[in-house]
Amino acid sequence: MIYNIYKPPGWTSFDVVKKIRIITKEKKVGHAGTLDPFAEGVLIIGTGIDTKSLSEISNTSKSYRANLKLGESTDTFDNEGKIIAKLPIPLIDSEFIVKVLKSFVGEYRHKPPMFSAKKVNGTRLYKLARQNKIVDREIIISNISKINFNNFDGERISFSVSCSKGTYIRVLGNEIACKLGTVGYLDGLTRTSVGNYNVSESTSIKEFEKQWKSIKI
């Protein structure tokens, strides 16, 4: 079966896989694309023979809603890292923010962050980062099909983005802040869709467990 699960913040994607495995008692369980622990939203889970479909689902486009905090940067580019730099927030308006956001539409060339699950020479980057090691990473070429400005409160920018597989929204947030003349990190990220699977149809883990037990009674 394929399930559209709402991953809560604070859980790793594998935490969700383990929980679904326990609930369903299925030995074979996987997901179609990792979500960072601090992030929440759509996580597609496959069980049994349907895990074969996960690779195809993972290759579909994804959409996110992000909150970018300006004026401070962290080593992880999100709110779980330690602050490594501070810069004043320049006087910017919505028109300038929209212009900067739109500049990222199209081919997006970027490097995976050191705090990520990407492997280099067989080692996860986050393991090297925790040892204060920085290694060269190959440039990822992805595509941003749409990016929209939601609001700005003087310190935080909310934006929505639709992109191809392999796009690191944390890196995008960091680069947006740089183009605005400051630094920044994501203090909120929600995946709103994966292909045809939408967040409005996601099921919380608690509700999934409740529904599963009711079916099995």
Protein backbone atom coordinates (compact mmCIF):
# COMPACT_ATOMS: atom_id res chain seq x y z
CA MET A 1 0.00 0.00 0.00
CA ILE A 2 0.97 3.64 -0.51
CA TYR A 3 0.16 6.07 2.31
CA ASN A 4 0.26 9.86 2.44
CA ILE A 5 1.51 10.47 5.97
CA TYR A 6 1.94 13.85 7.66
CA LYS A 7 5.41 13.83 9.21
CA PRO A 8 5.48 15.93 12.38
CA PRO A 9 8.44 18.21 13.17
CA GLY A 10 11.07 16.57 15.34
CA TRP A 11 10.70 13.15 13.72
CA THR A 12 13.17 11.79 11.19
CA SER A 13 11.73 10.21 8.06
CA PHE A 14 13.05 6.86 9.30
CA ASP A 15 11.21 7.39 12.62
CA VAL A 16 7.99 7.47 10.60
CA VAL A 17 9.00 4.36 8.64
CA LYS A 18 9.68 2.49 11.89
CA LYS A 19 6.36 3.59 13.39
CA ILE A 20 4.38 2.49 10.31
CA ARG A 21 6.24 -0.83 10.36
CA ILE A 22 5.19 -1.36 13.97
CA ILE A 23 1.56 -0.38 13.30
CA THR A 24 1.10 -2.47 10.14
CA LYS A 25 3.49 -5.27 11.12
CA GLU A 26 4.83 -5.11 7.56
CA LYS A 27 8.48 -6.11 7.23
CA LYS A 28 9.06 -4.07 4.09
CA VAL A 29 8.40 -0.34 4.57
CA GLY A 30 10.05 2.66 2.92
CA HIS A 31 9.51 6.30 2.02
CA ALA A 32 9.65 8.37 -1.18
CA GLY A 33 12.03 11.19 -0.26
CA THR A 34 13.56 12.29 3.02
CA LEU A 35 12.22 15.24 5.00
CA ASP A 36 14.59 16.98 7.41
CA PRO A 37 13.81 16.37 11.10
CA PHE A 38 12.80 20.03 11.68
CA ALA A 39 10.45 19.94 8.67
CA GLU A 40 6.91 18.63 8.50
CA GLY A 41 4.34 17.68 5.91
CA VAL A 42 3.85 15.11 3.17
CA LEU A 43 5.89 11.92 3.51
CA ILE A 44 4.87 9.14 1.15
CA ILE A 45 5.18 5.71 2.72
CA GLY A 46 5.09 2.41 0.84
CA THR A 47 4.66 -1.06 2.29
CA GLY A 48 5.14 -4.56 0.94
CA ILE A 49 5.30 -4.93 -2.83
CA ASP A 50 4.30 -1.27 -3.27
CA THR A 51 7.72 -0.13 -2.04
CA LYS A 52 8.74 -0.70 -5.68
CA SER A 53 6.68 2.38 -6.60
CA LEU A 54 8.53 4.68 -4.19
CA SER A 55 11.41 5.44 -6.56
CA GLU A 56 9.02 6.67 -9.25
CA ILE A 57 7.08 8.77 -6.73
CA SER A 58 10.32 10.22 -5.37
CA ASN A 59 11.23 11.50 -8.84
CA THR A 60 8.08 13.63 -9.11
CA SER A 61 8.00 17.37 -8.38
CA LYS A 62 7.57 18.64 -4.83
CA SER A 63 6.14 21.77 -3.25
CA TYR A 64 7.05 23.47 0.01
CA ARG A 65 6.06 26.39 2.20
CA ALA A 66 9.03 27.91 4.01
CA ASN A 67 9.69 30.53 6.66
CA LEU A 68 13.05 32.28 6.32
CA LYS A 69 14.38 34.15 9.37
CA LEU A 70 16.70 36.98 8.38
CA GLY A 71 19.62 38.49 10.27
CA GLU A 72 21.16 35.28 11.60
CA SER A 73 22.63 32.16 9.98
CA THR A 74 23.22 28.69 11.40
CA ASP A 75 25.61 25.91 10.47
CA THR A 76 22.70 23.70 9.39
CA PHE A 77 20.73 26.45 7.55
CA ASP A 78 17.77 25.63 9.82
CA ASN A 79 16.59 26.26 13.38
CA GLU A 80 18.31 23.16 14.76
CA GLY A 81 21.83 24.44 14.18
CA LYS A 82 24.03 26.83 16.09
CA ILE A 83 24.18 30.49 15.11
CA ILE A 84 27.42 31.20 13.28
CA ALA A 85 26.83 34.71 11.91
CA LYS A 86 24.70 37.80 12.38
CA LEU A 87 24.08 40.68 9.99
CA PRO A 88 21.66 43.60 10.02
CA ILE A 89 18.50 43.25 7.98
CA PRO A 90 18.55 45.96 5.28
CA LEU A 91 15.51 48.01 4.40
CA ILE A 92 13.69 45.81 1.91
CA ASP A 93 10.16 45.81 0.57
CA SER A 94 7.91 43.15 -0.92
CA GLU A 95 8.70 44.27 -4.47
CA PHE A 96 12.43 43.63 -3.97
CA ILE A 97 11.77 40.33 -2.23
CA VAL A 98 9.62 39.15 -5.14
CA LYS A 99 12.36 40.13 -7.59
CA VAL A 100 14.96 38.14 -5.64
CA LEU A 101 12.68 35.11 -5.33
CA LYS A 102 11.90 35.11 -9.05
CA SER A 103 15.63 35.14 -9.85
CA PHE A 104 15.82 31.53 -8.66
CA VAL A 105 13.20 30.21 -11.11
CA GLY A 106 14.65 27.78 -13.66
CA GLU A 107 17.80 25.73 -13.44
CA TYR A 108 19.11 25.80 -9.89
CA ARG A 109 22.74 24.89 -9.31
CA HIS A 110 23.71 24.39 -5.68
CA LYS A 111 25.75 22.21 -3.37
CA PRO A 112 24.17 19.95 -0.75
CA PRO A 113 24.68 21.32 2.77
CA MET A 114 27.27 19.66 5.01
CA PHE A 115 24.48 18.81 7.43
CA SER A 116 22.63 16.45 5.10
CA ALA A 117 22.24 12.72 4.48
CA LYS A 118 24.03 12.98 1.14
CA LYS A 119 26.93 10.55 0.87
CA VAL A 120 30.46 11.51 -0.21
CA ASN A 121 32.85 8.58 -0.62
CA GLY A 122 30.40 6.40 1.27
CA THR A 123 30.06 8.67 4.30
CA ARG A 124 27.01 10.76 5.21
CA LEU A 125 27.87 14.44 5.11
CA TYR A 126 26.29 15.16 8.48
CA LYS A 127 28.68 12.69 10.12
CA LEU A 128 31.64 14.63 8.72
CA ALA A 129 30.03 17.94 9.71
CA ARG A 130 29.72 16.78 13.30
CA GLN A 131 33.48 16.17 13.23
CA ASN A 132 33.93 19.76 12.00
CA LYS A 133 35.08 18.45 8.64
CA ILE A 134 34.12 20.22 5.43
CA VAL A 135 34.55 18.34 2.16
CA ASP A 136 33.98 19.33 -1.43
CA ARG A 137 30.55 18.41 -2.76
CA GLU A 138 29.45 18.04 -6.37
CA ILE A 139 27.03 20.64 -7.64
CA ILE A 140 23.42 19.51 -7.86
CA ILE A 141 21.41 20.72 -10.82
CA SER A 142 17.69 20.84 -10.09
CA ASN A 143 14.81 22.94 -11.36
CA ILE A 144 12.61 25.47 -9.62
CA SER A 145 9.39 25.75 -11.57
CA LYS A 146 7.61 28.27 -9.37
CA ILE A 147 8.38 30.42 -6.34
CA ASN A 148 5.86 32.75 -4.70
CA PHE A 149 6.14 35.43 -2.02
CA ASN A 150 3.61 35.04 0.80
CA ASN A 151 4.45 37.70 3.38
CA PHE A 152 7.19 39.58 5.25
CA ASP A 153 6.96 40.82 8.85
CA GLY A 154 10.27 42.70 8.89
CA GLU A 155 12.22 39.70 10.15
CA ARG A 156 10.72 36.61 8.51
CA ILE A 157 9.82 35.91 4.91
CA SER A 158 7.26 33.28 4.03
CA PHE A 159 7.53 31.85 0.52
CA SER A 160 6.22 28.84 -1.42
CA VAL A 161 8.25 26.88 -3.95
CA SER A 162 7.65 24.07 -6.45
CA CYS A 163 10.76 22.22 -7.55
CA SER A 164 12.26 19.01 -8.84
CA LYS A 165 13.82 16.22 -6.81
CA GLY A 166 17.15 17.05 -5.21
CA THR A 167 16.44 20.67 -4.31
CA TYR A 168 17.67 21.61 -0.83
CA ILE A 169 15.26 24.28 0.40
CA ARG A 170 17.60 25.09 3.31
CA VAL A 171 20.30 26.06 0.81
CA LEU A 172 17.77 28.04 -1.22
CA GLY A 173 16.74 29.96 1.90
CA ASN A 174 20.36 30.77 2.70
CA GLU A 175 21.00 32.02 -0.84
CA ILE A 176 17.82 34.11 -0.87
CA ALA A 177 18.99 35.83 2.32
CA CYS A 178 22.40 36.53 0.75
CA LYS A 179 20.79 38.11 -2.31
CA LEU A 180 18.74 40.29 0.02
CA GLY A 181 21.96 41.57 1.55
CA THR A 182 21.91 39.68 4.83
CA VAL A 183 22.02 36.14 6.22
CA GLY A 184 19.23 33.78 7.17
CA TYR A 185 18.03 30.30 8.01
CA LEU A 186 14.78 28.35 7.78
CA ASP A 187 12.81 28.25 11.00
CA GLY A 188 9.88 26.47 9.41
CA LEU A 189 9.41 24.15 6.43
CA THR A 190 6.31 22.25 5.32
CA ARG A 191 6.22 19.94 2.31
CA THR A 192 2.81 20.59 0.81
CA SER A 193 2.88 18.08 -2.04
CA VAL A 194 4.77 15.22 -3.64
CA GLY A 195 3.57 14.66 -7.19
CA ASN A 196 -0.21 14.20 -6.95
CA TYR A 197 -0.15 13.66 -3.19
CA ASN A 198 -1.27 16.79 -1.33
CA VAL A 199 -0.91 17.86 2.28
CA SER A 200 -4.66 18.37 2.53
CA GLU A 201 -5.04 14.60 2.16
CA SER A 202 -2.24 13.65 4.57
CA THR A 203 -2.99 11.50 7.58
CA SER A 204 -1.31 12.07 10.92
CA ILE A 205 0.50 9.12 12.46
CA LYS A 206 -1.96 9.11 15.35
CA GLU A 207 -4.95 9.05 13.01
CA PHE A 208 -3.32 6.41 10.80
CA GLU A 209 -2.82 4.15 13.81
CA LYS A 210 -6.43 4.70 14.91
CA GLN A 211 -7.77 3.89 11.43
CA TRP A 212 -5.54 0.82 11.12
CA LYS A 213 -6.71 -0.60 14.45
CA SER A 214 -10.34 0.01 13.58
CA ILE A 215 -9.94 -1.88 10.31
CA LYS A 216 -8.19 -4.80 11.99
CA ILE A 217 -10.76 -5.20 14.77
